[in-house]
Amino acid sequence: MAETDAREFGTVVENSDAAQFGEVELQRPDGSKRIVKVDELSGADAELAAKFGYKPVFKREFGYLSSFSFAVSISGLFSTVATTFIYPLDAGGSASAVWCWLISGAGCMCIALSVAELVSAYPTSGGLYFTVSRLTPKEWIPSISWITGWLNLLGQVAGVASSEYGAAQLLLAAVSMGSDFTYSPTSNTTIGVMAALTVLTGLVNSLSTYWMEKMTQTYVIFHVLALVTCAIALLAKAENKNSASYVFTHVETESGWTPVGFSFLFGFLSVSWTMTDYDATAHITEEISEPEIKAPWAISLAMGFTYIAGWLFTIVLCFTMGDPATILDSAVDQPVAQIFYNVLGKGGGIFYTVCAFIIIKLVCFTAMQSLARTVFAFSRDRLVPFSRIWTKVNGVTRTPIYAVWISVFWCIAINLIGLGSYAAIEGVFNITAIALDWSYCIPILCKMVFNKFEPGPWNLGKFSYWINLWACVWTLFVSIIFILPTALPVSADSMNYAVAFLGLIFLFALAYWYISGKKFYTGPLVEASVEGEEETPSRELKGSHHSNSSDDEHRRNLEQDNLAVKG
């Protein structure tokens, strides 16, 4: 493999930085360079990572099936619908649940396809945070990359945190069913179980990516089987189904908003929370073989499956739920779990609630993997404080252990607000959709405005502009809805705390920028490589840039040399 690459490039150059990861730097006659990881990666894979200036340090364990399964697992359709069905049902009844899914899902698909196109062109673990640096004029790169990075980080932390909270709710709902509802979980108990489950997620993500790949490879089969068999069982066992007229046209709400149609719009949250984190697959592209093809393929197909299957499953739930007031008053605060119990009995209810729990835990496993890789990538570019710590990769598992555990800490911390108010937890769900979707739309807008985009092998062709445009318009529309209180008059219990979370993270990001960030941050880093002639295998870098140089020296040398280090 190395010989083939060497013939293609012409020159093999020794690089001590690359050597420590078992890589070889190759230089074409025209001066362009690539870094190839000889012992583990195909030449094409390593070339692709090096093209964007990053040394690949993770093993590429993910293929077509595991990449698709990973992308599906991020949505966790069966379980995420179960944990968020309460929002459209409370907002506008059955019609809100059905039509909000169909309408909002179309907007979410435009975002997903736009993200897939960008991932194909720029496949690195930095995701769209890195991509925006390739789409923006040089003088704007630091500020736009900074905003995009922090929005994405906030969205991913909130996404994992809300998923872990949903997992705790489902697990305790199953326990409550087993006790014939003599046991009712409290908010404090839910928070405690959430913390334990988040630690479990951290332990799993401390393992080698080999085991993560094996888990995600079979996940999609289990997920589809649970979804299909549950839908069939509900339709077969429900004795008093709601009429089609009721399912598709009945609107009811006690939100206090007028007209009622405005309250109806709050139902979009269920879809936007389920169909988000599109670029999670991008954050593991350095662990996927041929990521420029497999990653966008996985994103687009997975979101298409989630859109169609989610709408159909929502319709099934609306036909079989009975009186919505009854399930909304459930002691376990999980309307879908209550539907399982009412229709399928105690055994069936526990079984499918546990299935939903298992699925959402797999969502947490994969979402945490994506989050840890994001922390790693952002730390590599010095976007977050104490970046040297979070970039350390364990020599045995080849995973960023410290990045995993700082992610665990913040996911638990953000959920601790649930000790004071359940409404605050709803804000965590809201901020997930707002922050993540805007971290995608900023690069999409840059692509449309600055016209610097170079399409990858997977692209939208002549439809690209219009799909991109609708993705941005839709995100603006739902973001306004998601920061509004869901009930009037506003009280401490009905306040939407999403705007508070968004404000706090912006304040921190701005403070960090002005105190420290603007002094050194110039956007996503491009790793320097050593130019040299074939007969002189080792070169000293200008400005004493060696493999053991400090981070500040590394940054200054990159800036001074314009990323072209000369011997």
Protein backbone atom coordinates (compact mmCIF):
# COMPACT_ATOMS: atom_id res chain seq x y z
CA MET A 1 0.00 0.00 0.00
CA ALA A 2 2.76 2.44 0.99
CA GLU A 3 4.67 1.66 -2.23
CA THR A 4 1.63 2.45 -4.37
CA ASP A 5 1.13 5.74 -2.57
CA ALA A 6 4.81 6.57 -2.87
CA ARG A 7 4.76 6.03 -6.64
CA GLU A 8 1.72 8.28 -6.90
CA PHE A 9 3.20 11.09 -4.85
CA GLY A 10 6.80 10.75 -5.87
CA THR A 11 8.51 11.50 -2.56
CA VAL A 12 8.38 9.98 0.91
CA VAL A 13 9.34 12.51 3.60
CA GLU A 14 10.15 11.66 7.20
CA ASN A 15 7.98 13.46 9.75
CA SER A 16 8.51 12.84 13.47
CA ASP A 17 4.99 14.07 14.34
CA ALA A 18 3.46 11.63 11.90
CA ALA A 19 5.81 8.83 12.84
CA GLN A 20 4.54 8.64 16.40
CA PHE A 21 1.15 7.60 15.00
CA GLY A 22 2.66 5.15 12.48
CA GLU A 23 2.10 7.49 9.55
CA VAL A 24 4.10 8.36 6.46
CA GLU A 25 4.05 11.80 4.89
CA LEU A 26 4.00 11.81 1.10
CA GLN A 27 4.79 14.72 -1.18
CA ARG A 28 3.70 15.15 -4.78
CA PRO A 29 6.06 16.73 -7.33
CA ASP A 30 3.91 19.88 -7.26
CA GLY A 31 4.64 20.30 -3.55
CA SER A 32 1.29 19.11 -2.19
CA LYS A 33 1.50 16.64 0.66
CA ARG A 34 -0.45 13.82 2.28
CA ILE A 35 0.05 11.79 5.49
CA VAL A 36 -0.68 8.07 5.15
CA LYS A 37 -1.16 5.74 8.14
CA VAL A 38 0.55 2.64 6.89
CA ASP A 39 -0.29 -0.04 9.44
CA GLU A 40 -4.06 0.36 9.62
CA LEU A 41 -5.56 2.53 6.88
CA SER A 42 -6.05 2.29 3.17
CA GLY A 43 -4.12 4.84 1.18
CA ALA A 44 -7.30 6.64 0.13
CA ASP A 45 -8.54 6.99 3.70
CA ALA A 46 -5.33 8.41 5.08
CA GLU A 47 -4.93 10.74 2.12
CA LEU A 48 -8.38 12.15 2.76
CA ALA A 49 -7.70 12.97 6.40
CA ALA A 50 -4.33 14.47 5.57
CA LYS A 51 -5.90 16.55 2.80
CA PHE A 52 -7.64 18.59 5.47
CA GLY A 53 -4.56 18.87 7.64
CA TYR A 54 -5.44 16.34 10.35
CA LYS A 55 -3.43 13.34 11.33
CA PRO A 56 -5.81 10.36 11.63
CA VAL A 57 -5.38 8.92 15.12
CA PHE A 58 -8.42 6.62 15.37
CA LYS A 59 -8.88 3.18 13.85
CA ARG A 60 -11.30 3.01 10.91
CA GLU A 61 -13.63 0.28 12.17
CA PHE A 62 -16.93 1.49 10.62
CA GLY A 63 -18.21 0.17 7.28
CA TYR A 64 -21.51 0.64 5.40
CA LEU A 65 -23.80 -1.27 7.79
CA SER A 66 -22.26 0.04 11.01
CA SER A 67 -22.17 3.62 9.66
CA PHE A 68 -25.87 3.41 8.70
CA SER A 69 -26.69 1.81 12.03
CA PHE A 70 -24.77 4.53 13.85
CA ALA A 71 -26.71 7.24 12.00
CA VAL A 72 -30.05 5.52 12.76
CA SER A 73 -29.07 5.03 16.38
CA ILE A 74 -28.60 8.79 16.84
CA SER A 75 -32.32 9.34 16.19
CA GLY A 76 -33.40 6.33 18.30
CA LEU A 77 -36.83 6.66 16.70
CA PHE A 78 -38.77 4.15 18.79
CA SER A 79 -37.56 5.56 22.11
CA THR A 80 -37.30 9.24 21.21
CA VAL A 81 -40.90 9.29 20.00
CA ALA A 82 -41.83 7.61 23.29
CA THR A 83 -40.10 10.31 25.36
CA THR A 84 -41.33 13.32 23.33
CA PHE A 85 -44.87 12.28 22.29
CA ILE A 86 -46.13 14.27 25.28
CA TYR A 87 -45.21 17.60 23.62
CA PRO A 88 -47.43 17.50 20.48
CA LEU A 89 -50.18 15.72 22.41
CA ASP A 90 -50.24 18.45 25.04
CA ALA A 91 -49.83 21.21 22.46
CA GLY A 92 -52.66 20.35 20.10
CA GLY A 93 -53.83 16.79 20.49
CA SER A 94 -53.78 14.04 17.90
CA ALA A 95 -53.77 16.30 14.84
CA SER A 96 -50.74 18.17 16.16
CA ALA A 97 -48.80 14.92 16.63
CA VAL A 98 -49.59 13.65 13.11
CA TRP A 99 -49.26 16.80 11.02
CA CYS A 100 -46.38 18.36 12.91
CA TRP A 101 -44.37 15.23 12.22
CA LEU A 102 -45.13 15.32 8.48
CA ILE A 103 -44.47 19.06 8.09
CA SER A 104 -41.49 19.39 10.39
CA GLY A 105 -39.96 16.16 9.10
CA ALA A 106 -39.76 17.62 5.60
CA GLY A 107 -37.84 20.63 6.93
CA CYS A 108 -35.55 18.37 8.93
CA MET A 109 -34.86 16.27 5.83
CA CYS A 110 -33.67 19.39 4.00
CA ILE A 111 -31.23 20.09 6.84
CA ALA A 112 -30.07 16.45 6.83
CA LEU A 113 -29.45 16.40 3.07
CA SER A 114 -27.60 19.72 3.25
CA VAL A 115 -25.41 18.39 6.07
CA ALA A 116 -24.73 15.15 4.16
CA GLU A 117 -23.53 17.16 1.17
CA LEU A 118 -21.11 19.14 3.34
CA VAL A 119 -19.87 16.00 5.11
CA SER A 120 -19.04 14.39 1.77
CA ALA A 121 -16.94 17.41 0.80
CA TYR A 122 -15.23 17.84 4.20
CA PRO A 123 -15.15 14.57 6.18
CA THR A 124 -13.27 15.18 9.44
CA SER A 125 -14.16 14.59 13.10
CA GLY A 126 -14.53 18.35 13.51
CA GLY A 127 -17.76 18.10 11.50
CA LEU A 128 -19.38 21.26 10.24
CA TYR A 129 -17.27 23.32 12.64
CA PHE A 130 -14.29 22.49 10.42
CA THR A 131 -16.35 22.82 7.26
CA VAL A 132 -17.25 26.45 7.95
CA SER A 133 -13.55 27.37 7.84
CA ARG A 134 -13.45 26.14 4.25
CA LEU A 135 -16.55 28.09 3.23
CA THR A 136 -15.80 31.47 4.83
CA PRO A 137 -13.48 34.36 3.84
CA LYS A 138 -10.20 34.18 5.73
CA GLU A 139 -10.84 37.25 7.90
CA TRP A 140 -14.15 35.83 9.16
CA ILE A 141 -12.97 32.31 9.91
CA PRO A 142 -12.09 32.78 13.61
CA SER A 143 -15.35 34.44 14.68
CA ILE A 144 -17.71 32.26 12.64
CA SER A 145 -15.89 29.03 13.54
CA TRP A 146 -15.96 30.02 17.21
CA ILE A 147 -19.74 30.59 17.19
CA THR A 148 -20.45 27.43 15.18
CA GLY A 149 -18.24 25.32 17.42
CA TRP A 150 -19.81 26.48 20.67
CA LEU A 151 -23.37 26.10 19.33
CA ASN A 152 -22.59 22.56 18.23
CA LEU A 153 -20.98 21.71 21.54
CA LEU A 154 -23.95 23.08 23.50
CA GLY A 155 -26.39 21.18 21.31
CA GLN A 156 -24.55 17.89 21.66
CA VAL A 157 -24.20 18.18 25.44
CA ALA A 158 -27.91 19.03 25.75
CA GLY A 159 -28.78 16.19 23.37
CA VAL A 160 -26.94 13.55 25.37
CA ALA A 161 -28.21 15.00 28.65
CA SER A 162 -31.86 14.98 27.53
CA SER A 163 -31.48 11.46 26.12
CA GLU A 164 -30.07 10.20 29.40
CA TYR A 165 -32.95 11.87 31.26
CA GLY A 166 -35.41 10.18 28.89
CA ALA A 167 -33.66 6.84 29.49
CA ALA A 168 -34.06 7.26 33.25
CA GLN A 169 -37.77 8.06 32.80
CA LEU A 170 -38.36 4.96 30.68
CA LEU A 171 -36.48 2.67 33.06
CA LEU A 172 -38.43 3.98 36.06
CA ALA A 173 -41.69 3.72 34.09
CA ALA A 174 -41.00 0.01 33.59
CA VAL A 175 -40.29 -0.37 37.33
CA SER A 176 -43.54 1.43 38.13
CA MET A 177 -45.48 -0.91 35.83
CA GLY A 178 -43.89 -3.90 37.52
CA SER A 179 -45.22 -2.63 40.86
CA ASP A 180 -48.71 -2.10 39.37
CA PHE A 181 -48.09 1.64 39.77
CA THR A 182 -47.77 1.45 43.56
CA TYR A 183 -44.32 2.99 43.01
CA SER A 184 -44.15 6.48 41.47
CA PRO A 185 -40.69 7.89 40.68
CA THR A 186 -39.83 11.37 41.96
CA SER A 187 -37.76 14.01 40.16
CA ASN A 188 -34.87 13.37 42.56
CA THR A 189 -34.93 9.65 41.81
CA THR A 190 -35.00 10.33 38.08
CA ILE A 191 -31.98 12.64 38.36
CA GLY A 192 -30.07 10.02 40.37
CA VAL A 193 -30.80 7.24 37.88
CA MET A 194 -29.88 9.61 35.04
CA ALA A 195 -26.46 10.23 36.60
CA ALA A 196 -25.78 6.50 37.01
CA LEU A 197 -26.81 5.81 33.41
CA THR A 198 -24.57 8.62 32.14
CA VAL A 199 -21.59 7.11 33.98
CA LEU A 200 -22.39 3.77 32.32
CA THR A 201 -22.35 5.52 28.95
CA GLY A 202 -18.93 6.94 29.78
CA LEU A 203 -17.59 3.49 30.68
CA VAL A 204 -18.82 2.02 27.38
CA ASN A 205 -17.24 4.87 25.44
CA SER A 206 -13.93 4.26 27.18
CA LEU A 207 -13.71 0.95 25.33
CA SER A 208 -12.05 0.48 21.96
CA THR A 209 -14.05 1.62 18.92
CA TYR A 210 -13.95 -2.06 17.86
CA TRP A 211 -16.59 -2.83 20.49
CA MET A 212 -18.60 0.27 19.66
CA GLU A 213 -18.67 -0.81 16.02
CA LYS A 214 -19.88 -4.29 16.96
CA MET A 215 -22.67 -2.87 19.13
CA THR A 216 -23.90 -0.39 16.53
CA GLN A 217 -23.70 -2.93 13.69
CA THR A 218 -26.59 -5.00 15.05
CA TYR A 219 -28.47 -2.14 16.64
CA VAL A 220 -30.49 -1.21 13.56
CA ILE A 221 -31.91 -4.75 13.32
CA PHE A 222 -33.09 -4.72 16.93
CA HIS A 223 -34.50 -1.21 16.51
CA VAL A 224 -36.55 -2.06 13.41
CA LEU A 225 -37.85 -5.29 14.95
CA ALA A 226 -38.98 -3.47 18.11
CA LEU A 227 -40.66 -0.72 16.08
CA VAL A 228 -42.50 -3.00 13.66
CA THR A 229 -43.64 -5.63 16.18
CA CYS A 230 -44.84 -2.94 18.60
CA ALA A 231 -46.89 -1.19 15.90
CA ILE A 232 -48.46 -4.50 14.85
CA ALA A 233 -49.20 -5.50 18.45
CA LEU A 234 -50.83 -2.15 19.23
CA LEU A 235 -53.06 -2.27 16.16
CA ALA A 236 -54.00 -5.90 16.81
CA LYS A 237 -54.72 -5.58 20.53
CA ALA A 238 -56.36 -2.13 20.78
CA GLU A 239 -60.09 -2.69 21.23
CA ASN A 240 -61.42 0.84 20.96
CA LYS A 241 -59.39 2.61 18.32
CA ASN A 242 -59.86 6.28 17.63
CA SER A 243 -61.51 7.15 14.32
CA ALA A 244 -59.53 8.41 11.34
CA SER A 245 -61.40 11.71 11.59
CA TYR A 246 -60.27 12.09 15.21
CA VAL A 247 -56.65 11.12 14.50
CA PHE A 248 -56.14 13.51 11.58
CA THR A 249 -58.38 16.46 12.47
CA HIS A 250 -58.96 16.65 16.23
CA VAL A 251 -57.25 19.61 17.90
CA GLU A 252 -57.43 20.35 21.61
CA THR A 253 -55.22 22.30 23.96
CA GLU A 254 -55.19 23.92 27.37
CA SER A 255 -52.06 25.97 26.73
CA GLY A 256 -53.80 29.34 26.89
CA TRP A 257 -52.43 30.43 23.52
CA THR A 258 -54.87 31.96 21.02
CA PRO A 259 -55.59 31.13 18.34
CA VAL A 260 -55.38 27.41 19.04
CA GLY A 261 -53.41 26.92 15.84
CA PHE A 262 -50.44 28.70 17.42
CA SER A 263 -50.32 26.19 20.26
CA PHE A 264 -50.49 23.48 17.61
CA LEU A 265 -47.01 24.53 16.42
CA PHE A 266 -45.34 23.48 19.68
CA GLY A 267 -45.75 19.93 18.42
CA PHE A 268 -42.76 20.49 16.14
CA LEU A 269 -40.42 19.85 19.08
CA SER A 270 -40.93 16.07 19.03
CA VAL A 271 -39.80 15.85 15.42
CA SER A 272 -36.95 18.33 15.67
CA TRP A 273 -35.54 16.60 18.76
CA THR A 274 -35.82 13.15 17.17
CA MET A 275 -34.48 14.18 13.74
CA THR A 276 -31.38 16.10 14.78
CA ASP A 277 -27.67 15.61 15.41
CA TYR A 278 -27.36 14.91 11.69
CA ASP A 279 -23.63 15.48 11.72
CA ALA A 280 -22.96 12.95 14.51
CA THR A 281 -21.77 10.60 11.79
CA ALA A 282 -19.40 13.34 10.60
CA HIS A 283 -17.71 13.33 14.01
CA ILE A 284 -16.68 9.70 13.52
CA THR A 285 -15.60 10.05 9.87
CA GLU A 286 -11.99 9.50 10.94
CA GLU A 287 -13.20 6.07 12.09
CA ILE A 288 -15.08 5.25 8.84
CA SER A 289 -13.42 3.81 5.77
CA GLU A 290 -14.18 5.93 2.65
CA PRO A 291 -16.05 8.52 4.76
CA GLU A 292 -16.66 10.89 1.84
CA ILE A 293 -19.09 8.29 0.45
CA LYS A 294 -20.28 6.20 3.39
CA ALA A 295 -20.95 9.03 5.85
CA PRO A 296 -23.37 11.08 3.66
CA TRP A 297 -24.98 7.86 2.45
CA ALA A 298 -25.61 6.84 6.07
CA ILE A 299 -26.93 10.29 7.10
CA SER A 300 -29.39 10.63 4.22
CA LEU A 301 -30.79 7.10 4.38
CA ALA A 302 -31.00 7.07 8.18
CA MET A 303 -32.91 10.36 8.31
CA GLY A 304 -35.19 9.24 5.47
CA PHE A 305 -36.00 6.08 7.39
CA THR A 306 -36.60 8.09 10.58
CA TYR A 307 -38.90 10.54 8.79
CA ILE A 308 -41.18 7.95 7.19
CA ALA A 309 -41.16 5.36 9.98
CA GLY A 310 -41.62 8.05 12.65
CA TRP A 311 -44.70 9.49 10.96
CA LEU A 312 -46.29 6.05 10.56
CA PHE A 313 -45.53 5.09 14.18
CA THR A 314 -47.03 8.38 15.41
CA ILE A 315 -50.23 7.61 13.48
CA VAL A 316 -50.36 4.17 15.11
CA LEU A 317 -50.01 5.72 18.57
CA CYS A 318 -52.81 8.22 17.84
CA PHE A 319 -55.17 5.45 16.69
CA THR A 320 -54.54 3.29 19.76
CA MET A 321 -54.02 5.81 22.58
CA GLY A 322 -57.65 6.17 23.67
CA ASP A 323 -58.46 9.35 25.60
CA PRO A 324 -55.35 11.60 25.56
CA ALA A 325 -56.31 13.18 28.89
CA THR A 326 -55.96 9.77 30.57
CA ILE A 327 -52.45 9.05 29.31
CA LEU A 328 -51.29 12.63 29.92
CA ASP A 329 -52.24 12.17 33.58
CA SER A 330 -50.15 8.99 33.82
CA ALA A 331 -48.31 8.56 37.12
CA VAL A 332 -45.08 7.79 35.21
CA ASP A 333 -45.20 10.95 33.03
CA GLN A 334 -44.66 8.81 29.96
CA PRO A 335 -47.79 8.75 27.74
CA VAL A 336 -46.40 6.17 25.31
CA ALA A 337 -45.40 3.79 28.12
CA GLN A 338 -48.95 4.17 29.44
CA ILE A 339 -50.31 3.32 25.97
CA PHE A 340 -48.19 0.15 25.97
CA TYR A 341 -49.60 -0.80 29.37
CA ASN A 342 -53.23 0.02 28.53
CA VAL A 343 -53.26 -1.84 25.21
CA LEU A 344 -50.78 -4.71 25.72
CA GLY A 345 -51.20 -5.35 29.44
CA LYS A 346 -48.56 -5.48 32.14
CA GLY A 347 -46.22 -7.94 30.40
CA GLY A 348 -46.38 -6.27 26.99
CA GLY A 349 -46.13 -2.81 28.52
CA ILE A 350 -42.98 -3.67 30.46
CA PHE A 351 -41.43 -5.46 27.49
CA TYR A 352 -41.77 -2.59 25.01
CA THR A 353 -40.90 0.05 27.60
CA VAL A 354 -37.69 -1.86 28.31
CA CYS A 355 -37.07 -2.11 24.54
CA ALA A 356 -37.45 1.67 24.34
CA PHE A 357 -35.01 2.02 27.24
CA ILE A 358 -32.42 -0.21 25.55
CA ILE A 359 -32.74 1.72 22.31
CA ILE A 360 -32.36 5.13 23.93
CA LYS A 361 -29.31 3.87 25.83
CA LEU A 362 -27.78 2.88 22.50
CA VAL A 363 -28.63 6.41 21.36
CA CYS A 364 -26.70 7.69 24.37
CA PHE A 365 -23.73 5.40 23.62
CA THR A 366 -23.41 6.64 20.04
CA ALA A 367 -24.24 10.28 20.86
CA MET A 368 -21.59 10.29 23.60
CA GLN A 369 -19.08 8.84 21.15
CA SER A 370 -19.89 11.68 18.77
CA LEU A 371 -19.69 14.27 21.57
CA ALA A 372 -16.32 13.00 22.81
CA ARG A 373 -14.91 13.12 19.27
CA THR A 374 -16.23 16.68 18.98
CA VAL A 375 -14.50 17.68 22.21
CA PHE A 376 -11.33 16.02 20.89
CA ALA A 377 -11.53 17.87 17.57
CA PHE A 378 -12.33 21.23 19.19
CA SER A 379 -9.49 20.76 21.68
CA ARG A 380 -7.14 19.93 18.84
CA ASP A 381 -7.93 23.43 17.56
CA ARG A 382 -7.84 24.98 21.05
CA LEU A 383 -11.50 26.05 20.99
CA VAL A 384 -12.16 24.87 24.56
CA PRO A 385 -10.25 25.53 27.80
CA PHE A 386 -7.55 23.06 28.95
CA SER A 387 -7.39 21.66 25.42
CA ARG A 388 -4.14 19.76 26.01
CA ILE A 389 -5.94 17.39 28.38
CA TRP A 390 -8.88 16.54 26.13
CA THR A 391 -6.68 15.63 23.13
CA LYS A 392 -4.94 12.77 24.92
CA VAL A 393 -5.72 9.41 23.28
CA ASN A 394 -5.43 6.24 25.34
CA GLY A 395 -2.65 4.04 24.00
CA VAL A 396 -4.60 0.80 24.53
CA THR A 397 -8.15 1.62 23.43
CA ARG A 398 -7.18 4.41 20.99
CA THR A 399 -10.06 6.48 22.35
CA PRO A 400 -9.97 10.03 23.82
CA ILE A 401 -10.66 8.99 27.42
CA TYR A 402 -10.46 12.45 29.00
CA ALA A 403 -12.75 13.92 26.34
CA VAL A 404 -15.28 11.19 27.16
CA TRP A 405 -15.30 11.92 30.88
CA ILE A 406 -15.48 15.70 30.66
CA SER A 407 -18.50 15.10 28.42
CA VAL A 408 -20.02 12.82 31.08
CA PHE A 409 -19.50 15.51 33.71
CA TRP A 410 -21.29 18.25 31.77
CA CYS A 411 -24.18 16.00 30.72
CA ILE A 412 -24.86 15.21 34.38
CA ALA A 413 -24.36 18.82 35.45
CA ILE A 414 -26.86 20.27 32.97
CA ASN A 415 -29.53 17.82 34.15
CA LEU A 416 -29.10 18.77 37.81
CA ILE A 417 -31.36 21.75 37.16
CA GLY A 418 -34.17 19.22 37.05
CA LEU A 419 -33.90 19.05 40.84
CA GLY A 420 -35.49 22.50 40.94
CA SER A 421 -37.96 22.41 38.07
CA TYR A 422 -39.18 19.89 35.51
CA ALA A 423 -39.84 22.82 33.16
CA ALA A 424 -36.09 23.41 33.09
CA ILE A 425 -35.60 19.88 31.73
CA GLU A 426 -38.02 20.72 28.89
CA GLY A 427 -35.67 23.61 28.12
CA VAL A 428 -32.81 21.12 27.69
CA PHE A 429 -34.85 19.29 25.02
CA ASN A 430 -35.61 22.62 23.29
CA ILE A 431 -32.03 23.88 23.29
CA THR A 432 -30.84 20.63 21.69
CA ALA A 433 -32.82 21.34 18.51
CA ILE A 434 -32.05 25.09 18.43
CA ALA A 435 -28.29 24.89 19.03
CA LEU A 436 -27.59 21.90 16.82
CA ASP A 437 -29.70 23.08 13.88
CA TRP A 438 -28.06 26.53 13.89
CA SER A 439 -24.60 24.98 14.06
CA TYR A 440 -25.58 23.26 10.78
CA CYS A 441 -27.26 26.24 9.15
CA ILE A 442 -24.34 28.64 9.67
CA PRO A 443 -22.08 26.55 7.36
CA ILE A 444 -25.00 26.05 4.97
CA LEU A 445 -25.51 29.84 4.80
CA CYS A 446 -21.78 30.37 4.27
CA LYS A 447 -21.88 27.87 1.42
CA MET A 448 -24.70 29.80 -0.25
CA VAL A 449 -23.33 33.31 0.36
CA PHE A 450 -19.57 33.01 -0.23
CA ASN A 451 -19.60 30.48 -3.09
CA LYS A 452 -16.40 28.74 -2.01
CA PHE A 453 -17.90 25.25 -1.81
CA GLU A 454 -16.23 22.39 -3.67
CA PRO A 455 -18.67 19.44 -3.82
CA GLY A 456 -17.62 15.95 -2.81
CA PRO A 457 -18.62 12.71 -4.53
CA TRP A 458 -22.05 12.80 -2.81
CA ASN A 459 -23.91 16.02 -3.63
CA LEU A 460 -27.38 17.41 -4.36
CA GLY A 461 -26.59 18.75 -7.80
CA LYS A 462 -28.95 21.42 -9.20
CA PHE A 463 -31.31 21.03 -6.22
CA SER A 464 -28.62 21.99 -3.72
CA TYR A 465 -29.39 25.72 -3.44
CA TRP A 466 -33.13 25.34 -2.89
CA ILE A 467 -32.75 22.52 -0.37
CA ASN A 468 -30.13 24.57 1.49
CA LEU A 469 -32.39 27.65 1.45
CA TRP A 470 -35.40 25.85 2.87
CA ALA A 471 -33.22 24.24 5.56
CA CYS A 472 -32.22 27.73 6.81
CA VAL A 473 -35.72 29.23 6.55
CA TRP A 474 -37.23 26.30 8.42
CA THR A 475 -34.63 26.47 11.19
CA LEU A 476 -35.32 30.18 11.73
CA PHE A 477 -39.07 29.48 11.93
CA VAL A 478 -38.91 26.66 14.49
CA SER A 479 -36.23 28.39 16.57
CA ILE A 480 -38.68 31.22 17.29
CA ILE A 481 -41.31 28.68 18.39
CA PHE A 482 -38.88 26.72 20.59
CA ILE A 483 -37.93 29.71 22.75
CA LEU A 484 -41.55 30.69 23.50
CA PRO A 485 -43.33 29.52 26.67
CA THR A 486 -45.61 26.56 25.93
CA ALA A 487 -48.38 27.81 28.21
CA LEU A 488 -49.93 31.14 29.17
CA PRO A 489 -49.85 32.93 31.54
CA VAL A 490 -46.14 32.40 32.10
CA SER A 491 -45.06 31.09 35.50
CA ALA A 492 -41.97 29.41 36.92
CA ASP A 493 -43.47 26.03 35.96
CA SER A 494 -44.35 27.02 32.38
CA MET A 495 -41.29 29.15 31.59
CA ASN A 496 -39.24 27.97 28.61
CA TYR A 497 -35.66 27.93 29.93
CA ALA A 498 -34.14 27.25 26.52
CA VAL A 499 -33.49 30.96 25.99
CA ALA A 500 -31.68 31.09 29.36
CA PHE A 501 -29.39 28.19 28.38
CA LEU A 502 -28.67 29.80 25.03
CA GLY A 503 -27.88 33.12 26.67
CA LEU A 504 -25.55 31.57 29.25
CA ILE A 505 -23.49 29.66 26.70
CA PHE A 506 -23.20 32.74 24.48
CA LEU A 507 -22.05 34.81 27.46
CA PHE A 508 -19.42 32.21 28.35
CA ALA A 509 -18.25 31.83 24.75
CA LEU A 510 -17.98 35.61 24.32
CA ALA A 511 -16.19 36.07 27.65
CA TYR A 512 -13.71 33.30 26.83
CA TRP A 513 -13.19 34.83 23.38
CA TYR A 514 -12.36 38.31 24.63
CA ILE A 515 -10.35 37.16 27.66
CA SER A 516 -8.25 34.56 25.88
CA GLY A 517 -9.55 33.10 22.64
CA LYS A 518 -8.96 36.00 20.24
CA LYS A 519 -5.29 36.10 21.28
CA PHE A 520 -4.53 32.72 19.73
CA TYR A 521 -7.56 31.30 17.92
CA THR A 522 -7.50 31.61 14.13
CA GLY A 523 -9.94 28.84 13.27
CA PRO A 524 -9.54 25.08 12.83
CA LEU A 525 -5.87 24.17 12.72
CA VAL A 526 -4.18 22.62 9.71
CA GLU A 527 -1.33 20.39 10.77
CA ALA A 528 2.04 21.50 9.40
CA SER A 529 4.14 19.01 7.47
CA VAL A 530 7.83 19.01 6.61
CA GLU A 531 8.94 19.76 3.10
CA GLY A 532 12.19 18.25 2.02
CA GLU A 533 14.04 16.47 -0.70
CA GLU A 534 14.23 12.73 -1.05
CA GLU A 535 17.93 12.55 -0.32
CA THR A 536 17.50 14.47 2.95
CA PRO A 537 14.94 12.45 4.94
CA SER A 538 14.95 14.60 8.10
CA ARG A 539 14.38 18.35 8.15
CA GLU A 540 14.46 20.96 10.90
CA LEU A 541 11.46 23.23 10.87
CA LYS A 542 11.71 26.97 10.59
CA GLY A 543 11.36 28.68 13.96
CA SER A 544 12.46 25.52 15.85
CA HIS A 545 9.14 23.77 15.28
CA HIS A 546 9.74 20.21 16.48
CA SER A 547 7.42 17.45 17.62
CA ASN A 548 8.08 18.42 21.23
CA SER A 549 7.41 22.16 20.75
CA SER A 550 4.89 23.82 22.99
CA ASP A 551 1.35 24.40 21.72
CA ASP A 552 1.91 28.17 21.58
CA GLU A 553 5.09 27.76 19.57
CA HIS A 554 3.26 25.36 17.27
CA ARG A 555 0.54 27.93 16.67
CA ARG A 556 2.95 30.82 16.07
CA ASN A 557 5.01 28.83 13.63
CA LEU A 558 1.93 27.81 11.68
CA GLU A 559 0.82 31.41 11.42
CA GLN A 560 4.28 32.74 10.52
CA ASP A 561 4.90 30.12 7.87
CA ASN A 562 1.41 30.17 6.40
CA LEU A 563 1.17 26.45 7.04
CA ALA A 564 4.09 25.85 4.67
CA VAL A 565 7.04 24.90 6.85
CA LYS A 566 10.29 25.11 4.93
CA GLY A 567 13.52 23.20 5.45
